[in-house]
Amino acid sequence: MAETLIEVFPQLGQIADDDLRNKVEKCWLESLKRGGWKIGDLETIPFTMLSDLKSISLASHTRNVTNCSIAVAEVMNKTGIEAFDIDFDLLIAGGILHDVGKAMEYGFKDNDWFVTESGRLLRHPISGATLAAEMGLSEKVQHMIAVHSHEGDKSPRLTEAWIVHHCDFINFDPIKR
């Protein structure tokens, strides 16, 4: 089992801003604490409650979304279109944190996964963005978490948020069928 968060999310090491990287790590650690989990549990916690997909871990999904987001942003940067102007630190922070609320949304009891009372009241985009605010992360990072799912469909999105949003669904929709 992983003992440090960078073992689970090696992309943390790509965040150049030390303060941002530390706050991203602090946010995940607090979410795990509130959910009653340890770092190594990220490889076991499912990324979705769909019964036939519970074997795909939250850690694996988060790494995939973050890696996909980085790849898309790198391609977009090569176009030379100035309007993209992608902030890679923000993008990576948003990718790593997009599902941070799931550690508080899911529980495990009697050999089965369930959605917690907290998760029923505040889905992970809301609880995750709230936690990010508590941890001192910027409004842009909070925005990335809050709008990554369908909850953000009627909200404007930063370029980085669009990338994470689509990469999240690229890593979910094809396998949910």
C-alpha atoms as a PDB file:
ATOM      1  CA  MET A   1       0.000   0.000   0.000  1.00  0.00           C
ATOM      2  CA  ALA A   2       1.120   3.518  -0.768  1.00  0.00           C
ATOM      3  CA  GLU A   3       2.333   5.534   2.189  1.00  0.00           C
ATOM      4  CA  THR A   4       2.535   8.937   0.524  1.00  0.00           C
ATOM      5  CA  LEU A   5       0.159  10.736  -1.759  1.00  0.00           C
ATOM      6  CA  ILE A   6       2.806  11.247  -4.456  1.00  0.00           C
ATOM      7  CA  GLU A   7       3.081   7.451  -4.727  1.00  0.00           C
ATOM      8  CA  VAL A   8      -0.631   7.369  -5.560  1.00  0.00           C
ATOM      9  CA  PHE A   9      -0.671  10.519  -7.695  1.00  0.00           C
ATOM     10  CA  PRO A  10       2.806  10.991  -9.204  1.00  0.00           C
ATOM     11  CA  GLN A  11       1.437  13.941 -11.198  1.00  0.00           C
ATOM     12  CA  LEU A  12       1.675  15.936  -7.949  1.00  0.00           C
ATOM     13  CA  GLY A  13       5.373  16.220  -8.718  1.00  0.00           C
ATOM     14  CA  GLN A  14       4.544  18.090 -11.935  1.00  0.00           C
ATOM     15  CA  ILE A  15       2.955  20.999 -10.046  1.00  0.00           C
ATOM     16  CA  ALA A  16       5.700  23.630 -10.060  1.00  0.00           C
ATOM     17  CA  ASP A  17       4.146  25.883  -7.408  1.00  0.00           C
ATOM     18  CA  ASP A  18       5.156  24.440  -4.014  1.00  0.00           C
ATOM     19  CA  ASP A  19       2.270  26.134  -2.173  1.00  0.00           C
ATOM     20  CA  LEU A  20      -0.321  24.796  -4.618  1.00  0.00           C
ATOM     21  CA  ARG A  21       1.178  21.296  -4.515  1.00  0.00           C
ATOM     22  CA  ASN A  22       1.133  21.303  -0.698  1.00  0.00           C
ATOM     23  CA  LYS A  23      -2.487  22.490  -0.601  1.00  0.00           C
ATOM     24  CA  VAL A  24      -3.562  19.826  -3.111  1.00  0.00           C
ATOM     25  CA  GLU A  25      -1.942  17.183  -0.916  1.00  0.00           C
ATOM     26  CA  LYS A  26      -3.464  18.683   2.249  1.00  0.00           C
ATOM     27  CA  CYS A  27      -6.910  18.642   0.621  1.00  0.00           C
ATOM     28  CA  TRP A  28      -6.687  14.934  -0.254  1.00  0.00           C
ATOM     29  CA  LEU A  29      -5.354  14.037   3.187  1.00  0.00           C
ATOM     30  CA  GLU A  30      -8.210  15.898   4.881  1.00  0.00           C
ATOM     31  CA  SER A  31     -10.803  14.256   2.646  1.00  0.00           C
ATOM     32  CA  LEU A  32      -9.393  10.831   3.487  1.00  0.00           C
ATOM     33  CA  LYS A  33      -9.391  11.681   7.191  1.00  0.00           C
ATOM     34  CA  ARG A  34     -13.022  12.836   7.110  1.00  0.00           C
ATOM     35  CA  GLY A  35     -14.038   9.715   5.222  1.00  0.00           C
ATOM     36  CA  GLY A  36     -12.179   7.475   7.653  1.00  0.00           C
ATOM     37  CA  TRP A  37      -9.657   6.276   5.048  1.00  0.00           C
ATOM     38  CA  LYS A  38      -5.876   5.945   4.736  1.00  0.00           C
ATOM     39  CA  ILE A  39      -3.775   6.856   1.684  1.00  0.00           C
ATOM     40  CA  GLY A  40      -3.499   3.223   0.568  1.00  0.00           C
ATOM     41  CA  ASP A  41      -7.298   2.952   0.501  1.00  0.00           C
ATOM     42  CA  LEU A  42      -7.345   5.149  -2.610  1.00  0.00           C
ATOM     43  CA  GLU A  43      -6.416   2.017  -4.579  1.00  0.00           C
ATOM     44  CA  THR A  44      -9.533   0.273  -3.198  1.00  0.00           C
ATOM     45  CA  ILE A  45     -12.209   2.994  -2.996  1.00  0.00           C
ATOM     46  CA  PRO A  46     -14.268   2.734  -6.200  1.00  0.00           C
ATOM     47  CA  PHE A  47     -14.500   5.740  -8.483  1.00  0.00           C
ATOM     48  CA  THR A  48     -18.192   5.030  -9.097  1.00  0.00           C
ATOM     49  CA  MET A  49     -21.005   3.146  -7.392  1.00  0.00           C
ATOM     50  CA  LEU A  50     -22.127   1.438 -10.597  1.00  0.00           C
ATOM     51  CA  SER A  51     -21.996  -2.196  -9.510  1.00  0.00           C
ATOM     52  CA  ASP A  52     -20.006  -3.605 -12.412  1.00  0.00           C
ATOM     53  CA  LEU A  53     -17.435  -0.778 -12.250  1.00  0.00           C
ATOM     54  CA  LYS A  54     -16.667  -0.811  -8.514  1.00  0.00           C
ATOM     55  CA  SER A  55     -13.403  -2.622  -9.219  1.00  0.00           C
ATOM     56  CA  ILE A  56     -11.933   0.519 -10.861  1.00  0.00           C
ATOM     57  CA  SER A  57     -10.312   2.475  -8.063  1.00  0.00           C
ATOM     58  CA  LEU A  58     -10.610   6.155  -7.336  1.00  0.00           C
ATOM     59  CA  ALA A  59      -6.806   6.411  -7.581  1.00  0.00           C
ATOM     60  CA  SER A  60      -6.692   4.765 -11.006  1.00  0.00           C
ATOM     61  CA  HIS A  61      -9.512   6.928 -12.362  1.00  0.00           C
ATOM     62  CA  THR A  62      -7.918  10.098 -10.974  1.00  0.00           C
ATOM     63  CA  ARG A  63      -4.535   9.262 -12.513  1.00  0.00           C
ATOM     64  CA  ASN A  64      -6.197   8.517 -15.860  1.00  0.00           C
ATOM     65  CA  VAL A  65      -8.172  11.768 -15.883  1.00  0.00           C
ATOM     66  CA  THR A  66      -5.101  13.786 -14.892  1.00  0.00           C
ATOM     67  CA  ASN A  67      -2.857  12.118 -17.490  1.00  0.00           C
ATOM     68  CA  CYS A  68      -5.514  12.524 -20.182  1.00  0.00           C
ATOM     69  CA  SER A  69      -5.906  16.205 -19.239  1.00  0.00           C
ATOM     70  CA  ILE A  70      -2.156  16.805 -19.461  1.00  0.00           C
ATOM     71  CA  ALA A  71      -1.987  15.107 -22.877  1.00  0.00           C
ATOM     72  CA  VAL A  72      -4.904  17.118 -24.263  1.00  0.00           C
ATOM     73  CA  ALA A  73      -3.439  20.368 -22.933  1.00  0.00           C
ATOM     74  CA  GLU A  74      -0.051  19.581 -24.485  1.00  0.00           C
ATOM     75  CA  VAL A  75      -1.690  19.060 -27.882  1.00  0.00           C
ATOM     76  CA  MET A  76      -3.710  22.256 -27.496  1.00  0.00           C
ATOM     77  CA  ASN A  77      -0.546  24.189 -26.598  1.00  0.00           C
ATOM     78  CA  LYS A  78       1.134  23.016 -29.821  1.00  0.00           C
ATOM     79  CA  THR A  79      -1.538  24.728 -31.922  1.00  0.00           C
ATOM     80  CA  GLY A  80      -0.163  28.146 -31.020  1.00  0.00           C
ATOM     81  CA  ILE A  81      -3.681  29.444 -30.350  1.00  0.00           C
ATOM     82  CA  GLU A  82      -3.164  32.055 -27.645  1.00  0.00           C
ATOM     83  CA  ALA A  83      -6.764  31.814 -26.441  1.00  0.00           C
ATOM     84  CA  PHE A  84      -5.997  28.453 -24.840  1.00  0.00           C
ATOM     85  CA  ASP A  85      -3.258  29.872 -22.542  1.00  0.00           C
ATOM     86  CA  ILE A  86      -3.332  26.753 -20.335  1.00  0.00           C
ATOM     87  CA  ASP A  87      -2.084  26.960 -16.753  1.00  0.00           C
ATOM     88  CA  PHE A  88      -0.590  23.490 -16.258  1.00  0.00           C
ATOM     89  CA  ASP A  89      -0.360  23.824 -12.460  1.00  0.00           C
ATOM     90  CA  LEU A  90      -4.081  24.628 -12.329  1.00  0.00           C
ATOM     91  CA  LEU A  91      -4.894  21.848 -14.787  1.00  0.00           C
ATOM     92  CA  ILE A  92      -2.970  19.213 -12.825  1.00  0.00           C
ATOM     93  CA  ALA A  93      -4.375  20.402  -9.484  1.00  0.00           C
ATOM     94  CA  GLY A  94      -7.894  20.213 -10.933  1.00  0.00           C
ATOM     95  CA  GLY A  95      -7.276  16.771 -12.386  1.00  0.00           C
ATOM     96  CA  ILE A  96      -5.932  15.389  -9.128  1.00  0.00           C
ATOM     97  CA  LEU A  97      -8.687  17.008  -7.044  1.00  0.00           C
ATOM     98  CA  HIS A  98     -11.729  16.641  -9.305  1.00  0.00           C
ATOM     99  CA  ASP A  99     -13.068  13.670  -7.292  1.00  0.00           C
ATOM    100  CA  VAL A 100     -11.563  14.555  -3.895  1.00  0.00           C
ATOM    101  CA  GLY A 101     -15.088  14.672  -2.408  1.00  0.00           C
ATOM    102  CA  LYS A 102     -15.631  10.972  -3.151  1.00  0.00           C
ATOM    103  CA  ALA A 103     -13.541   9.994  -0.126  1.00  0.00           C
ATOM    104  CA  MET A 104     -16.296  11.619   1.953  1.00  0.00           C
ATOM    105  CA  GLU A 105     -19.134  10.460  -0.329  1.00  0.00           C
ATOM    106  CA  TYR A 106     -18.444   6.719  -0.174  1.00  0.00           C
ATOM    107  CA  GLY A 107     -18.291   4.284   2.716  1.00  0.00           C
ATOM    108  CA  PHE A 108     -17.733   0.567   3.218  1.00  0.00           C
ATOM    109  CA  LYS A 109     -19.670  -1.599   5.668  1.00  0.00           C
ATOM    110  CA  ASP A 110     -20.709  -5.248   5.847  1.00  0.00           C
ATOM    111  CA  ASN A 111     -18.507  -6.045   2.858  1.00  0.00           C
ATOM    112  CA  ASP A 112     -20.276  -3.572   0.580  1.00  0.00           C
ATOM    113  CA  TRP A 113     -19.813  -0.017  -0.701  1.00  0.00           C
ATOM    114  CA  PHE A 114     -22.458   2.636  -0.086  1.00  0.00           C
ATOM    115  CA  VAL A 115     -23.096   6.366  -0.444  1.00  0.00           C
ATOM    116  CA  THR A 116     -22.786   8.117   2.911  1.00  0.00           C
ATOM    117  CA  GLU A 117     -25.368  10.501   4.347  1.00  0.00           C
ATOM    118  CA  SER A 118     -22.947  13.325   3.540  1.00  0.00           C
ATOM    119  CA  GLY A 119     -22.697  12.026  -0.027  1.00  0.00           C
ATOM    120  CA  ARG A 120     -26.468  11.935  -0.409  1.00  0.00           C
ATOM    121  CA  LEU A 121     -26.759  15.533   0.774  1.00  0.00           C
ATOM    122  CA  LEU A 122     -23.728  17.012  -1.017  1.00  0.00           C
ATOM    123  CA  ARG A 123     -22.388  15.180  -4.043  1.00  0.00           C
ATOM    124  CA  HIS A 124     -18.618  15.119  -4.450  1.00  0.00           C
ATOM    125  CA  PRO A 125     -18.295  18.206  -6.715  1.00  0.00           C
ATOM    126  CA  ILE A 126     -19.882  20.318  -3.974  1.00  0.00           C
ATOM    127  CA  SER A 127     -18.178  18.719  -0.972  1.00  0.00           C
ATOM    128  CA  GLY A 128     -14.851  18.688  -2.814  1.00  0.00           C
ATOM    129  CA  ALA A 129     -15.035  22.374  -3.784  1.00  0.00           C
ATOM    130  CA  THR A 130     -16.048  23.282  -0.229  1.00  0.00           C
ATOM    131  CA  LEU A 131     -13.130  21.317   1.197  1.00  0.00           C
ATOM    132  CA  ALA A 132     -10.743  22.962  -1.282  1.00  0.00           C
ATOM    133  CA  ALA A 133     -11.928  26.366  -0.039  1.00  0.00           C
ATOM    134  CA  GLU A 134     -11.316  25.272   3.563  1.00  0.00           C
ATOM    135  CA  MET A 135      -7.791  24.173   2.615  1.00  0.00           C
ATOM    136  CA  GLY A 136      -7.038  27.598   1.143  1.00  0.00           C
ATOM    137  CA  LEU A 137      -7.034  26.578  -2.511  1.00  0.00           C
ATOM    138  CA  SER A 138      -7.859  29.322  -5.003  1.00  0.00           C
ATOM    139  CA  GLU A 139     -11.313  29.942  -6.432  1.00  0.00           C
ATOM    140  CA  LYS A 140     -10.010  28.642  -9.765  1.00  0.00           C
ATOM    141  CA  VAL A 141      -9.190  25.265  -8.203  1.00  0.00           C
ATOM    142  CA  GLN A 142     -12.544  25.243  -6.392  1.00  0.00           C
ATOM    143  CA  HIS A 143     -14.194  26.025  -9.733  1.00  0.00           C
ATOM    144  CA  MET A 144     -12.414  23.096 -11.409  1.00  0.00           C
ATOM    145  CA  ILE A 145     -13.789  20.691  -8.794  1.00  0.00           C
ATOM    146  CA  ALA A 146     -17.285  22.192  -8.715  1.00  0.00           C
ATOM    147  CA  VAL A 147     -17.866  22.157 -12.487  1.00  0.00           C
ATOM    148  CA  HIS A 148     -16.138  18.910 -13.493  1.00  0.00           C
ATOM    149  CA  SER A 149     -19.396  16.933 -13.419  1.00  0.00           C
ATOM    150  CA  HIS A 150     -22.958  17.557 -14.602  1.00  0.00           C
ATOM    151  CA  GLU A 151     -23.465  19.978 -11.714  1.00  0.00           C
ATOM    152  CA  GLY A 152     -21.397  22.457 -13.718  1.00  0.00           C
ATOM    153  CA  ASP A 153     -23.222  22.100 -17.034  1.00  0.00           C
ATOM    154  CA  LYS A 154     -24.927  25.488 -16.781  1.00  0.00           C
ATOM    155  CA  SER A 155     -21.821  27.251 -15.466  1.00  0.00           C
ATOM    156  CA  PRO A 156     -19.055  28.880 -17.451  1.00  0.00           C
ATOM    157  CA  ARG A 157     -15.836  26.870 -17.372  1.00  0.00           C
ATOM    158  CA  LEU A 158     -12.202  27.883 -17.531  1.00  0.00           C
ATOM    159  CA  THR A 159     -10.248  26.205 -20.352  1.00  0.00           C
ATOM    160  CA  GLU A 160      -8.577  23.937 -17.796  1.00  0.00           C
ATOM    161  CA  ALA A 161     -11.985  23.014 -16.363  1.00  0.00           C
ATOM    162  CA  TRP A 162     -13.293  22.086 -19.832  1.00  0.00           C
ATOM    163  CA  ILE A 163     -10.325  19.796 -20.327  1.00  0.00           C
ATOM    164  CA  VAL A 164     -10.736  18.015 -16.975  1.00  0.00           C
ATOM    165  CA  HIS A 165     -14.516  17.790 -17.478  1.00  0.00           C
ATOM    166  CA  HIS A 166     -14.172  16.088 -20.854  1.00  0.00           C
ATOM    167  CA  CYS A 167     -11.304  13.864 -19.748  1.00  0.00           C
ATOM    168  CA  ASP A 168     -13.406  12.738 -16.777  1.00  0.00           C
ATOM    169  CA  PHE A 169     -16.210  11.652 -19.091  1.00  0.00           C
ATOM    170  CA  ILE A 170     -13.767  10.134 -21.601  1.00  0.00           C
ATOM    171  CA  ASN A 171     -12.627   7.942 -18.697  1.00  0.00           C
ATOM    172  CA  PHE A 172     -16.181   7.087 -17.621  1.00  0.00           C
ATOM    173  CA  ASP A 173     -18.750   7.030 -20.441  1.00  0.00           C
ATOM    174  CA  PRO A 174     -17.122   4.332 -22.620  1.00  0.00           C
ATOM    175  CA  ILE A 175     -16.883   1.873 -19.713  1.00  0.00           C
ATOM    176  CA  LYS A 176     -20.292   2.516 -18.123  1.00  0.00           C
ATOM    177  CA  ARG A 177     -22.112   0.912 -21.073  1.00  0.00           C
END
